[in-house]
Amino acid sequence: MAPSIRLSPAACSLFDEPLAIVVQGLSPRQQVTLRTSLRDETGELFQASAHYQAGDDGELDLARCPALPGGSFSGLEPMGLLWALQPQKPFWRLVKRDVQSPFLLQLDVFEGHGERPGRLLAQAQHKRAFLRDGVRRVPVREGRIRATLFLPPGEDTFPGIIDIHGVGGGLFESRASLLANHGFATLALAYYQFEDLPQELKELHLEYFEEAVNYMLQHPQVKGPGVGLLGFSKGGEVSLAMAAFLKNIMAVATLNAPVGVTLIPLSYKDKIIPNL
C-alpha cells in the first residue's frame, strides 16, 4: 500500500478546530519528515516541519507519536504543524483579512530526516475556514459605527460580544467570525483607519464605543441585558475603560493589553483620562 495522509475532518475544518493527522502505508519504523505550508492573502509563504518515526505497523498518528528533535518543534504535539508555521519573510504576521475564504493548507510527507527533503511519499491539501455554514456576515454602517456583525445560524437570540482590535487600525474580523461559529453574536468594531473613520489615532471618545453597545442591545437577535467585550492590545485597554464608565458591560476578556490609558488620552462626556 502506498503511503497516504488521512485527515479528520477530511477536506475542511474551522481555523480554531483540532485537525487530526495520520499517515498510513509507511514501512515499520520508517523515518519521515512532515511539512505544512500555506500562503496568506498577500502571497507570503508560511511553513513548518517535523521529524517522525512510524510505528511498528507503519502508521504515524500525530496524536500518539512524538516529533523527534530537528524540526520546528519536538514532543507530542498533535497540532504542532499548524501552530509552528513560520513566515519566510522575517517578522511577517499571519492575518486573515477576508474571512469568507479559507486558508489552503498543504501537507507533504518526505522520506528521511535529511537537511534537504527526501523523496515525496504523500501529500494532501486541506481548507482552514473561518465561517461555519449558516453563519451570517452583516456589514454595519449605523450612525457612526463601522463594523461587521456575525450572527450564528438560526433565528434565536444569542449572547452578544464586541470584538475590538489594537493599534494598526482597520476592521479585523477573524476572531469575531470564529466566535459566531460557537453561538455568539459578535460585532467586529473598527475605530480608525477604516472608511470614513479617522486615519490617525489622536484621540479616543468612549461615546463611539457606547454607540456600538447600544446598537448590539437593540438588535433583535442579541440576548440582553448586557454584552461582553473582547479586546486585543489597545482594544483591551478600551474594553477595560468601557467596563469602568459604561453601563451594560457584563464581562471583559483582554489579550496582551495594558491596564492603564496609553499613547493618547481617553475621554467620556466631561471626563478626560490622561495617558500614562
Protein backbone atom coordinates (compact mmCIF):
# COMPACT_ATOMS: atom_id res chain seq x y z
CA MET A 1 0.00 0.00 0.00
CA ALA A 2 1.41 3.39 -0.98
CA PRO A 3 1.71 5.97 1.80
CA SER A 4 -1.30 8.25 2.21
CA ILE A 5 -2.50 11.00 4.53
CA ARG A 6 -5.77 10.74 6.45
CA LEU A 7 -7.14 13.99 7.84
CA SER A 8 -10.11 14.42 10.18
CA PRO A 9 -12.11 16.48 9.35
CA ALA A 10 -11.29 15.33 5.84
CA ALA A 11 -11.45 18.29 3.45
CA CYS A 12 -12.21 21.37 5.54
CA SER A 13 -12.12 22.43 9.18
CA LEU A 14 -12.58 25.63 11.13
CA PHE A 15 -9.43 27.61 11.88
CA ASP A 16 -9.80 27.02 15.65
CA GLU A 17 -10.82 23.36 15.29
CA PRO A 18 -8.43 20.48 16.01
CA LEU A 19 -7.18 18.67 12.90
CA ALA A 20 -6.20 15.01 13.27
CA ILE A 21 -3.32 13.94 11.02
CA VAL A 22 -2.45 10.29 10.33
CA VAL A 23 0.00 8.94 7.73
CA GLN A 24 -0.70 5.34 6.64
CA GLY A 25 1.15 2.84 4.47
CA LEU A 26 4.69 3.55 5.69
CA SER A 27 7.25 0.85 6.39
CA PRO A 28 7.58 -0.28 10.02
CA ARG A 29 9.53 2.38 11.99
CA GLN A 30 10.22 4.34 8.82
CA GLN A 31 11.70 7.81 9.35
CA VAL A 32 9.84 10.63 7.61
CA THR A 33 9.62 14.41 7.61
CA LEU A 34 6.21 16.11 7.56
CA ARG A 35 5.94 19.64 6.24
CA THR A 36 2.98 22.02 6.21
CA SER A 37 2.78 25.18 4.12
CA LEU A 38 0.26 27.89 3.32
CA ARG A 39 0.27 31.31 1.69
CA ASP A 40 -1.52 34.28 3.16
CA GLU A 41 -3.64 36.68 1.14
CA THR A 42 -0.57 38.66 0.07
CA GLY A 43 1.18 35.51 -1.21
CA GLU A 44 3.70 35.26 1.64
CA LEU A 45 4.71 31.68 2.46
CA PHE A 46 4.46 30.10 5.93
CA GLN A 47 5.97 26.67 6.66
CA ALA A 48 6.59 24.21 9.48
CA SER A 49 8.22 20.78 9.52
CA ALA A 50 8.78 17.95 11.97
CA HIS A 51 10.68 14.65 12.06
CA TYR A 52 8.81 11.45 12.91
CA GLN A 53 9.22 7.71 13.02
CA ALA A 54 6.32 5.45 12.09
CA GLY A 55 5.11 2.73 14.44
CA ASP A 56 5.69 -0.99 14.04
CA ASP A 57 2.51 -1.17 11.95
CA GLY A 58 3.71 1.52 9.52
CA GLU A 59 1.19 4.07 10.79
CA LEU A 60 2.07 7.55 12.03
CA ASP A 61 -0.62 9.16 14.19
CA LEU A 62 0.42 12.62 15.36
CA ALA A 63 -1.86 12.25 18.39
CA ARG A 64 0.25 9.30 19.60
CA CYS A 65 3.71 9.74 18.06
CA PRO A 66 6.04 12.48 19.37
CA ALA A 67 8.03 14.61 16.96
CA LEU A 68 11.77 13.94 17.13
CA PRO A 69 14.35 16.73 17.57
CA GLY A 70 15.44 18.62 14.47
CA GLY A 71 12.26 20.17 13.11
CA SER A 72 10.13 23.18 14.02
CA PHE A 73 9.17 21.50 17.30
CA SER A 74 9.59 18.24 19.19
CA GLY A 75 7.46 16.16 21.53
CA LEU A 76 3.84 15.07 21.41
CA GLU A 77 2.17 17.98 19.62
CA PRO A 78 -0.80 16.82 17.50
CA MET A 79 -1.34 20.37 16.17
CA GLY A 80 2.32 21.37 16.04
CA LEU A 81 2.43 21.51 12.25
CA LEU A 82 -0.20 24.26 12.40
CA TRP A 83 0.82 26.38 15.39
CA ALA A 84 4.51 26.23 14.42
CA LEU A 85 4.00 27.77 10.96
CA GLN A 86 6.65 30.45 10.43
CA PRO A 87 6.87 33.12 7.70
CA GLN A 88 9.65 33.02 5.15
CA LYS A 89 9.64 36.84 5.31
CA PRO A 90 11.07 37.92 8.71
CA PHE A 91 8.59 39.30 11.24
CA TRP A 92 5.61 38.78 8.90
CA ARG A 93 2.36 38.02 10.70
CA LEU A 94 -0.32 35.56 9.65
CA VAL A 95 -3.51 37.62 9.34
CA LYS A 96 -6.84 36.73 7.69
CA ARG A 97 -8.50 39.72 6.10
CA ASP A 98 -11.26 38.04 4.09
CA VAL A 99 -12.97 35.55 6.40
CA GLN A 100 -15.28 34.46 3.59
CA SER A 101 -12.45 32.46 2.00
CA PRO A 102 -10.39 29.76 3.77
CA PHE A 103 -6.65 29.33 4.09
CA LEU A 104 -5.39 26.44 1.94
CA LEU A 105 -3.02 24.22 3.90
CA GLN A 106 -0.71 21.76 2.11
CA LEU A 107 0.79 18.78 3.91
CA ASP A 108 3.75 16.86 2.42
CA VAL A 109 5.40 13.68 3.66
CA PHE A 110 9.07 13.20 2.70
CA GLU A 111 11.37 10.24 3.16
CA GLY A 112 14.06 10.54 5.85
CA HIS A 113 15.32 13.28 8.15
CA GLY A 114 17.92 14.95 5.94
CA GLU A 115 18.56 18.67 5.66
CA ARG A 116 17.11 18.54 2.15
CA PRO A 117 13.69 16.94 1.65
CA GLY A 118 13.90 13.32 0.58
CA ARG A 119 11.58 11.59 -1.86
CA LEU A 120 7.98 12.82 -1.71
CA LEU A 121 5.85 9.98 -0.35
CA ALA A 122 2.41 11.58 0.02
CA GLN A 123 0.68 14.93 0.02
CA ALA A 124 -2.72 16.37 0.79
CA GLN A 125 -4.50 19.73 0.86
CA HIS A 126 -6.91 20.96 3.48
CA LYS A 127 -9.03 24.12 3.89
CA ARG A 128 -8.98 26.01 7.19
CA ALA A 129 -12.17 28.09 7.20
CA PHE A 130 -13.45 30.91 9.39
CA LEU A 131 -17.21 30.66 8.82
CA ARG A 132 -19.38 27.67 9.58
CA ASP A 133 -22.26 27.00 7.20
CA GLY A 134 -25.18 29.25 8.11
CA VAL A 135 -23.19 31.96 9.93
CA ARG A 136 -24.22 35.36 8.58
CA ARG A 137 -21.78 38.21 7.94
CA VAL A 138 -23.61 41.56 8.11
CA PRO A 139 -21.76 44.83 7.33
CA VAL A 140 -22.86 47.52 9.82
CA ARG A 141 -22.96 51.23 8.88
CA GLU A 142 -25.26 52.52 11.60
CA GLY A 143 -24.78 56.14 12.69
CA ARG A 144 -21.05 56.50 13.27
CA ILE A 145 -20.49 52.76 13.71
CA ARG A 146 -18.28 50.99 11.17
CA ALA A 147 -18.30 47.28 11.90
CA THR A 148 -19.25 43.78 10.82
CA LEU A 149 -21.78 41.71 12.75
CA PHE A 150 -21.52 37.91 12.69
CA LEU A 151 -24.68 36.02 13.62
CA PRO A 152 -24.86 32.27 14.33
CA PRO A 153 -27.27 30.16 12.29
CA GLY A 154 -30.95 30.36 13.17
CA GLU A 155 -33.40 32.98 14.37
CA ASP A 156 -32.78 32.64 18.13
CA THR A 157 -31.23 35.29 20.34
CA PHE A 158 -27.54 34.92 21.19
CA PRO A 159 -25.13 36.33 23.78
CA GLY A 160 -23.54 39.48 22.38
CA ILE A 161 -19.82 40.25 22.17
CA ILE A 162 -17.99 43.31 20.82
CA ASP A 163 -14.51 42.49 19.50
CA ILE A 164 -12.09 45.46 19.46
CA HIS A 165 -8.67 45.19 17.80
CA GLY A 166 -5.48 47.05 18.66
CA VAL A 167 -3.19 49.67 17.18
CA GLY A 168 -2.92 49.08 13.45
CA GLY A 169 -6.43 50.16 12.57
CA GLY A 170 -8.81 48.71 10.05
CA LEU A 171 -11.54 46.14 10.53
CA PHE A 172 -10.30 42.83 11.92
CA GLU A 173 -12.94 40.10 11.51
CA SER A 174 -11.28 36.74 12.11
CA ARG A 175 -11.88 36.40 15.88
CA ALA A 176 -15.46 37.64 15.59
CA SER A 177 -16.27 35.16 12.83
CA LEU A 178 -14.88 32.26 14.87
CA LEU A 179 -16.88 33.29 17.95
CA ALA A 180 -20.08 33.32 15.86
CA ASN A 181 -19.37 29.70 14.95
CA HIS A 182 -19.67 28.92 18.67
CA GLY A 183 -23.00 30.65 19.23
CA PHE A 184 -22.13 34.30 19.93
CA ALA A 185 -23.50 37.32 18.09
CA THR A 186 -20.20 39.13 17.63
CA LEU A 187 -19.54 42.66 16.41
CA ALA A 188 -16.08 43.29 14.95
CA LEU A 189 -15.71 47.02 15.58
CA ALA A 190 -13.36 49.34 13.70
CA TYR A 191 -12.41 52.66 15.29
CA TYR A 192 -9.79 54.19 12.98
CA GLN A 193 -8.12 53.74 9.60
CA PHE A 194 -11.30 52.35 8.05
CA GLU A 195 -13.56 54.08 5.52
CA ASP A 196 -14.60 57.48 6.89
CA LEU A 197 -13.24 56.91 10.40
CA PRO A 198 -10.20 58.97 11.48
CA GLN A 199 -7.00 57.86 9.78
CA GLU A 200 -4.78 58.67 12.75
CA LEU A 201 -5.24 57.70 16.38
CA LYS A 202 -5.08 61.14 18.00
CA GLU A 203 -7.94 60.84 20.49
CA LEU A 204 -10.46 58.27 21.66
CA HIS A 205 -14.01 59.05 22.75
CA LEU A 206 -15.91 56.37 24.63
CA GLU A 207 -19.17 57.70 23.20
CA TYR A 208 -18.32 55.96 19.92
CA PHE A 209 -17.94 52.61 21.69
CA GLU A 210 -21.09 53.29 23.74
CA GLU A 211 -22.94 53.66 20.45
CA ALA A 212 -21.75 50.17 19.50
CA VAL A 213 -23.01 48.77 22.83
CA ASN A 214 -26.42 50.35 22.28
CA TYR A 215 -26.56 49.01 18.71
CA MET A 216 -25.96 45.48 19.98
CA LEU A 217 -28.53 45.71 22.77
CA GLN A 218 -31.16 47.00 20.34
CA HIS A 219 -30.54 44.20 17.87
CA PRO A 220 -33.42 41.65 17.90
CA GLN A 221 -31.03 38.68 17.92
CA VAL A 222 -28.79 39.84 20.75
CA LYS A 223 -29.73 38.47 24.16
CA GLY A 224 -29.58 41.08 26.94
CA PRO A 225 -29.31 42.53 29.44
CA GLY A 226 -25.70 43.35 28.53
CA VAL A 227 -22.79 42.46 26.27
CA GLY A 228 -19.31 41.07 26.70
CA LEU A 229 -16.12 42.64 25.36
CA LEU A 230 -13.09 41.00 23.78
CA GLY A 231 -10.17 43.38 23.31
CA PHE A 232 -6.69 42.89 21.89
CA SER A 233 -3.84 45.26 22.85
CA LYS A 234 -5.21 48.83 22.57
CA GLY A 235 -8.66 47.29 22.16
CA GLY A 236 -8.22 45.57 25.53
CA GLU A 237 -7.37 48.89 27.13
CA VAL A 238 -10.52 50.41 25.58
CA SER A 239 -12.58 47.44 26.78
CA LEU A 240 -11.47 47.96 30.39
CA ALA A 241 -12.34 51.66 30.15
CA MET A 242 -15.74 50.76 28.73
CA ALA A 243 -16.37 48.47 31.69
CA ALA A 244 -15.38 51.26 34.07
CA PHE A 245 -17.53 54.02 32.57
CA LEU A 246 -20.34 52.48 30.52
CA LYS A 247 -23.46 50.59 31.51
CA ASN A 248 -24.46 47.09 30.41
CA ILE A 249 -20.94 45.61 30.18
CA MET A 250 -21.25 42.12 31.67
CA ALA A 251 -17.78 40.67 31.07
CA VAL A 252 -14.39 41.65 29.65
CA ALA A 253 -11.58 39.50 28.25
CA THR A 254 -8.36 41.22 27.23
CA LEU A 255 -5.43 39.84 25.25
CA ASN A 256 -1.96 41.39 25.52
CA ALA A 257 -3.44 44.63 26.81
CA PRO A 258 -2.29 47.39 29.18
CA VAL A 259 -4.42 48.14 32.24
CA GLY A 260 -4.00 51.91 32.04
CA VAL A 261 -4.59 54.53 29.35
CA THR A 262 -1.60 54.62 26.99
CA LEU A 263 -0.43 56.58 23.94
CA ILE A 264 -3.35 59.03 23.75
CA PRO A 265 -5.91 60.49 26.21
CA LEU A 266 -9.33 58.93 26.58
CA SER A 267 -12.48 60.97 27.09
CA TYR A 268 -16.07 60.29 28.09
CA LYS A 269 -18.55 63.18 28.40
CA ASP A 270 -16.92 65.63 30.81
CA LYS A 271 -14.17 63.26 31.91
CA ILE A 272 -10.68 63.21 30.39
CA ILE A 273 -8.24 60.46 31.37
CA PRO A 274 -4.67 61.45 30.51
CA ASN A 275 -2.39 58.80 29.05
CA LEU A 276 0.40 57.34 31.15
